[in-house]
């Protein structure tokens, strides 16, 4: 595992229950100015093996990136289960729940 991957994983794991962060913000915290896609790749490939709270990572504008039928519904249920208000369209108020 590279140092960059390790930093991204640690930033993802630092997002507490009931809060969300963006792919872009996680990349910044890991020291990458343009690493949002790398964050997405790590979430896709390592969420299970690294026990990552994948559902807490969303787009910078507060929208869930996953499409219907590809995990979107699960992400909404998991976030709501942690007390995050998610609209039926899949949007979260980043000023209230972002970290």
N, C-alpha and C. Protein backbone atom coordinates (compact mmCIF):
# COMPACT_ATOMS: atom_id res chain seq x y z
N UNK A 1 0.85 -1.18 0.00
CA UNK A 1 0.00 0.00 0.00
C UNK A 1 0.90 1.24 0.00
N UNK A 2 0.57 2.17 -0.88
CA UNK A 2 1.37 3.39 -0.96
C UNK A 2 1.03 4.34 0.19
N UNK A 3 1.89 5.29 0.43
CA UNK A 3 1.64 6.28 1.47
C UNK A 3 0.39 7.10 1.16
N UNK A 4 0.20 7.43 -0.12
CA UNK A 4 -0.98 8.19 -0.52
C UNK A 4 -2.26 7.40 -0.24
N UNK A 5 -2.25 6.12 -0.60
CA UNK A 5 -3.41 5.27 -0.33
C UNK A 5 -3.68 5.20 1.16
N UNK A 6 -2.63 5.03 1.95
CA UNK A 6 -2.78 4.98 3.40
C UNK A 6 -3.40 6.27 3.93
N UNK A 7 -2.93 7.43 3.44
CA UNK A 7 -3.47 8.71 3.89
C UNK A 7 -4.94 8.88 3.52
N UNK A 8 -5.31 8.43 2.33
CA UNK A 8 -6.71 8.50 1.91
C UNK A 8 -7.57 7.62 2.81
N UNK A 9 -7.11 6.41 3.07
CA UNK A 9 -7.86 5.49 3.92
C UNK A 9 -8.05 6.08 5.32
N UNK A 10 -7.01 6.67 5.87
CA UNK A 10 -7.10 7.26 7.20
C UNK A 10 -8.08 8.44 7.21
N UNK A 11 -8.07 9.25 6.15
CA UNK A 11 -9.01 10.38 6.06
C UNK A 11 -10.45 9.90 5.97
N UNK A 12 -10.68 8.82 5.24
CA UNK A 12 -12.03 8.26 5.12
C UNK A 12 -12.49 7.73 6.48
N UNK A 13 -11.61 6.99 7.14
CA UNK A 13 -11.97 6.41 8.44
C UNK A 13 -12.21 7.47 9.51
N UNK A 14 -11.69 8.67 9.30
CA UNK A 14 -11.85 9.75 10.28
C UNK A 14 -13.21 10.44 10.21
N UNK A 15 -13.99 10.16 9.17
CA UNK A 15 -15.31 10.77 9.05
C UNK A 15 -16.23 10.08 10.06
N UNK A 16 -16.73 10.82 11.05
CA UNK A 16 -17.53 10.18 12.09
C UNK A 16 -18.95 9.83 11.64
N UNK A 17 -19.56 8.92 12.35
CA UNK A 17 -20.96 8.56 12.09
C UNK A 17 -21.82 9.81 12.22
N UNK A 18 -22.79 9.93 11.33
CA UNK A 18 -23.68 11.09 11.36
C UNK A 18 -23.14 12.29 10.61
N UNK A 19 -21.99 12.13 9.96
CA UNK A 19 -21.39 13.22 9.18
C UNK A 19 -21.01 12.67 7.81
N UNK A 20 -20.77 13.56 6.87
CA UNK A 20 -20.33 13.18 5.54
C UNK A 20 -19.13 14.04 5.15
N UNK A 21 -18.41 13.58 4.16
CA UNK A 21 -17.32 14.36 3.56
C UNK A 21 -17.38 14.11 2.06
N UNK A 22 -16.66 14.93 1.33
CA UNK A 22 -16.66 14.78 -0.13
C UNK A 22 -15.39 14.08 -0.60
N UNK A 23 -15.46 13.54 -1.79
CA UNK A 23 -14.29 12.93 -2.41
C UNK A 23 -13.16 13.96 -2.45
N UNK A 24 -13.49 15.17 -2.83
CA UNK A 24 -12.50 16.25 -2.94
C UNK A 24 -11.89 16.57 -1.58
N UNK A 25 -12.71 16.67 -0.55
CA UNK A 25 -12.21 17.01 0.78
C UNK A 25 -11.30 15.90 1.32
N UNK A 26 -11.66 14.66 1.09
CA UNK A 26 -10.82 13.54 1.52
C UNK A 26 -9.47 13.62 0.81
N UNK A 27 -9.49 13.92 -0.48
CA UNK A 27 -8.23 14.05 -1.23
C UNK A 27 -7.37 15.17 -0.64
N UNK A 28 -7.97 16.31 -0.36
CA UNK A 28 -7.22 17.43 0.23
C UNK A 28 -6.61 17.02 1.56
N UNK A 29 -7.39 16.34 2.40
CA UNK A 29 -6.88 15.91 3.71
C UNK A 29 -5.72 14.94 3.57
N UNK A 30 -5.71 14.20 2.46
CA UNK A 30 -4.62 13.25 2.20
C UNK A 30 -3.45 13.90 1.48
N UNK A 31 -3.54 15.21 1.23
CA UNK A 31 -2.44 15.93 0.60
C UNK A 31 -2.48 15.95 -0.91
N UNK A 32 -3.62 15.64 -1.51
CA UNK A 32 -3.75 15.64 -2.97
C UNK A 32 -4.65 16.78 -3.39
N UNK A 33 -4.17 17.63 -4.26
CA UNK A 33 -4.99 18.76 -4.69
C UNK A 33 -6.04 18.35 -5.72
N UNK A 34 -5.78 17.30 -6.49
CA UNK A 34 -6.71 16.84 -7.52
C UNK A 34 -6.89 15.33 -7.44
N UNK A 35 -7.24 14.83 -6.27
CA UNK A 35 -7.30 13.39 -6.10
C UNK A 35 -8.66 12.79 -5.87
N UNK A 36 -9.73 13.51 -6.21
CA UNK A 36 -11.08 12.99 -5.95
C UNK A 36 -11.32 11.65 -6.65
N UNK A 37 -10.84 11.50 -7.86
CA UNK A 37 -11.04 10.23 -8.57
C UNK A 37 -10.27 9.10 -7.91
N UNK A 38 -9.10 9.42 -7.38
CA UNK A 38 -8.32 8.41 -6.68
C UNK A 38 -9.06 7.95 -5.42
N UNK A 39 -9.70 8.89 -4.73
CA UNK A 39 -10.51 8.54 -3.57
C UNK A 39 -11.63 7.60 -3.99
N UNK A 40 -12.30 7.91 -5.08
CA UNK A 40 -13.39 7.06 -5.58
C UNK A 40 -12.87 5.66 -5.92
N UNK A 41 -11.70 5.56 -6.54
CA UNK A 41 -11.14 4.25 -6.88
C UNK A 41 -10.84 3.44 -5.63
N UNK A 42 -10.28 4.10 -4.61
CA UNK A 42 -9.96 3.39 -3.37
C UNK A 42 -11.25 2.93 -2.69
N UNK A 43 -12.26 3.78 -2.66
CA UNK A 43 -13.54 3.36 -2.08
C UNK A 43 -14.11 2.16 -2.82
N UNK A 44 -14.03 2.19 -4.13
CA UNK A 44 -14.58 1.11 -4.94
C UNK A 44 -13.82 -0.20 -4.71
N UNK A 45 -12.51 -0.12 -4.63
CA UNK A 45 -11.71 -1.34 -4.57
C UNK A 45 -11.36 -1.82 -3.16
N UNK A 46 -11.43 -0.94 -2.16
CA UNK A 46 -10.92 -1.32 -0.84
C UNK A 46 -11.92 -1.15 0.31
N UNK A 47 -13.14 -0.72 0.03
CA UNK A 47 -14.10 -0.47 1.11
C UNK A 47 -14.30 -1.68 2.00
N UNK A 48 -14.48 -2.83 1.39
CA UNK A 48 -14.73 -4.03 2.18
C UNK A 48 -13.48 -4.50 2.91
N UNK A 49 -12.36 -4.60 2.21
CA UNK A 49 -11.15 -5.14 2.84
C UNK A 49 -10.60 -4.22 3.93
N UNK A 50 -10.83 -2.91 3.81
CA UNK A 50 -10.32 -1.96 4.79
C UNK A 50 -11.41 -1.48 5.76
N UNK A 51 -12.60 -2.03 5.63
CA UNK A 51 -13.74 -1.67 6.49
C UNK A 51 -13.97 -0.14 6.47
N UNK A 52 -14.08 0.40 5.27
CA UNK A 52 -14.24 1.85 5.12
C UNK A 52 -15.72 2.26 5.19
N UNK A 53 -16.01 3.38 5.83
CA UNK A 53 -17.38 3.88 5.86
C UNK A 53 -17.70 4.60 4.55
N UNK A 54 -17.76 3.83 3.48
CA UNK A 54 -17.92 4.33 2.12
C UNK A 54 -19.14 5.22 1.97
N UNK A 55 -20.18 4.91 2.72
CA UNK A 55 -21.45 5.62 2.58
C UNK A 55 -21.36 7.08 3.04
N UNK A 56 -20.34 7.43 3.78
CA UNK A 56 -20.19 8.80 4.28
C UNK A 56 -19.48 9.73 3.30
N UNK A 57 -19.07 9.21 2.15
CA UNK A 57 -18.36 10.02 1.16
C UNK A 57 -19.29 10.29 -0.02
N UNK A 58 -19.51 11.59 -0.28
CA UNK A 58 -20.43 12.02 -1.34
C UNK A 58 -19.76 13.13 -2.16
N UNK A 59 -20.47 13.63 -3.14
CA UNK A 59 -19.94 14.70 -3.98
C UNK A 59 -19.86 16.01 -3.18
N UNK A 60 -19.00 16.90 -3.62
CA UNK A 60 -18.78 18.18 -2.93
C UNK A 60 -20.05 19.04 -2.89
N UNK A 61 -20.95 18.83 -3.84
CA UNK A 61 -22.18 19.62 -3.85
C UNK A 61 -23.28 19.00 -2.97
N UNK A 62 -22.95 17.91 -2.26
CA UNK A 62 -23.89 17.29 -1.35
C UNK A 62 -24.71 16.17 -1.94
N UNK A 63 -24.47 15.84 -3.21
CA UNK A 63 -25.25 14.78 -3.84
C UNK A 63 -24.52 13.44 -3.77
N UNK A 64 -25.30 12.38 -3.69
CA UNK A 64 -24.75 11.03 -3.74
C UNK A 64 -24.35 10.74 -5.19
N UNK A 65 -23.15 10.19 -5.36
CA UNK A 65 -22.62 9.96 -6.70
C UNK A 65 -23.14 8.68 -7.34
N UNK A 66 -23.52 7.71 -6.51
CA UNK A 66 -23.96 6.43 -7.05
C UNK A 66 -25.31 6.55 -7.75
N UNK A 67 -25.47 5.75 -8.78
CA UNK A 67 -26.73 5.74 -9.53
C UNK A 67 -27.72 4.78 -8.88
N UNK A 68 -29.01 4.99 -9.16
CA UNK A 68 -30.01 4.04 -8.66
C UNK A 68 -29.68 2.62 -9.11
N UNK A 69 -29.81 1.68 -8.20
CA UNK A 69 -29.51 0.29 -8.51
C UNK A 69 -28.05 -0.08 -8.38
N UNK A 70 -27.19 0.90 -8.11
CA UNK A 70 -25.75 0.65 -8.00
C UNK A 70 -25.23 0.98 -6.60
N UNK A 71 -26.12 0.94 -5.61
CA UNK A 71 -25.71 1.21 -4.24
C UNK A 71 -26.29 2.49 -3.67
N UNK A 72 -26.92 3.29 -4.51
CA UNK A 72 -27.49 4.57 -4.06
C UNK A 72 -28.50 4.38 -2.92
N UNK A 73 -29.39 3.42 -3.08
CA UNK A 73 -30.42 3.18 -2.08
C UNK A 73 -29.79 2.74 -0.75
N UNK A 74 -28.78 1.88 -0.83
CA UNK A 74 -28.08 1.43 0.38
C UNK A 74 -27.40 2.61 1.08
N UNK A 75 -26.77 3.48 0.29
CA UNK A 75 -26.09 4.63 0.87
C UNK A 75 -27.08 5.55 1.58
N UNK A 76 -28.21 5.79 0.96
CA UNK A 76 -29.23 6.63 1.59
C UNK A 76 -29.70 6.01 2.90
N UNK A 77 -29.98 4.71 2.90
CA UNK A 77 -30.43 4.03 4.11
C UNK A 77 -29.38 4.08 5.22
N UNK A 78 -28.12 3.85 4.87
CA UNK A 78 -27.06 3.88 5.87
C UNK A 78 -26.89 5.28 6.46
N UNK A 79 -26.92 6.30 5.61
CA UNK A 79 -26.78 7.67 6.12
C UNK A 79 -27.96 8.05 7.00
N UNK A 80 -29.16 7.74 6.55
CA UNK A 80 -30.35 8.03 7.37
C UNK A 80 -30.29 7.28 8.70
N UNK A 81 -29.76 6.06 8.68
CA UNK A 81 -29.61 5.29 9.90
C UNK A 81 -28.67 5.92 10.91
N UNK A 82 -27.77 6.77 10.41
CA UNK A 82 -26.84 7.50 11.28
C UNK A 82 -27.36 8.88 11.63
N UNK A 83 -28.58 9.20 11.20
CA UNK A 83 -29.18 10.48 11.53
C UNK A 83 -28.93 11.58 10.52
N UNK A 84 -28.35 11.27 9.37
CA UNK A 84 -28.12 12.27 8.33
C UNK A 84 -29.40 12.41 7.51
N UNK A 85 -29.87 13.64 7.36
CA UNK A 85 -31.06 13.90 6.54
C UNK A 85 -30.64 13.85 5.08
N UNK A 86 -31.21 12.90 4.36
CA UNK A 86 -30.94 12.74 2.93
C UNK A 86 -32.26 12.88 2.20
N UNK A 87 -32.31 13.77 1.22
CA UNK A 87 -33.54 13.93 0.45
C UNK A 87 -33.77 12.68 -0.40
N UNK A 88 -34.99 12.52 -0.86
CA UNK A 88 -35.30 11.38 -1.73
C UNK A 88 -34.49 11.43 -3.02
N UNK A 89 -34.05 12.63 -3.40
CA UNK A 89 -33.22 12.79 -4.60
C UNK A 89 -31.75 12.46 -4.31
N UNK A 90 -31.42 12.22 -3.04
CA UNK A 90 -30.05 11.85 -2.69
C UNK A 90 -29.14 13.01 -2.35
N UNK A 91 -29.69 14.09 -1.81
CA UNK A 91 -28.88 15.25 -1.45
C UNK A 91 -28.79 15.42 0.06
N UNK A 92 -27.62 15.90 0.50
CA UNK A 92 -27.34 16.13 1.91
C UNK A 92 -26.91 17.59 2.06
N UNK A 93 -27.33 18.23 3.12
CA UNK A 93 -26.93 19.60 3.42
C UNK A 93 -25.50 19.56 3.98
N UNK A 94 -24.53 19.95 3.16
CA UNK A 94 -23.13 19.89 3.55
C UNK A 94 -22.80 20.88 4.67
N UNK A 95 -23.54 21.97 4.76
CA UNK A 95 -23.25 22.93 5.84
C UNK A 95 -23.66 22.36 7.19
N UNK A 96 -24.63 21.47 7.19
CA UNK A 96 -25.09 20.86 8.44
C UNK A 96 -24.36 19.56 8.76
N UNK A 97 -24.12 18.72 7.76
CA UNK A 97 -23.56 17.39 8.01
C UNK A 97 -22.12 17.19 7.52
N UNK A 98 -21.59 18.15 6.80
CA UNK A 98 -20.24 18.01 6.27
C UNK A 98 -19.17 18.17 7.33
N UNK A 99 -18.06 17.51 7.11
CA UNK A 99 -16.93 17.67 8.02
C UNK A 99 -15.62 17.70 7.24
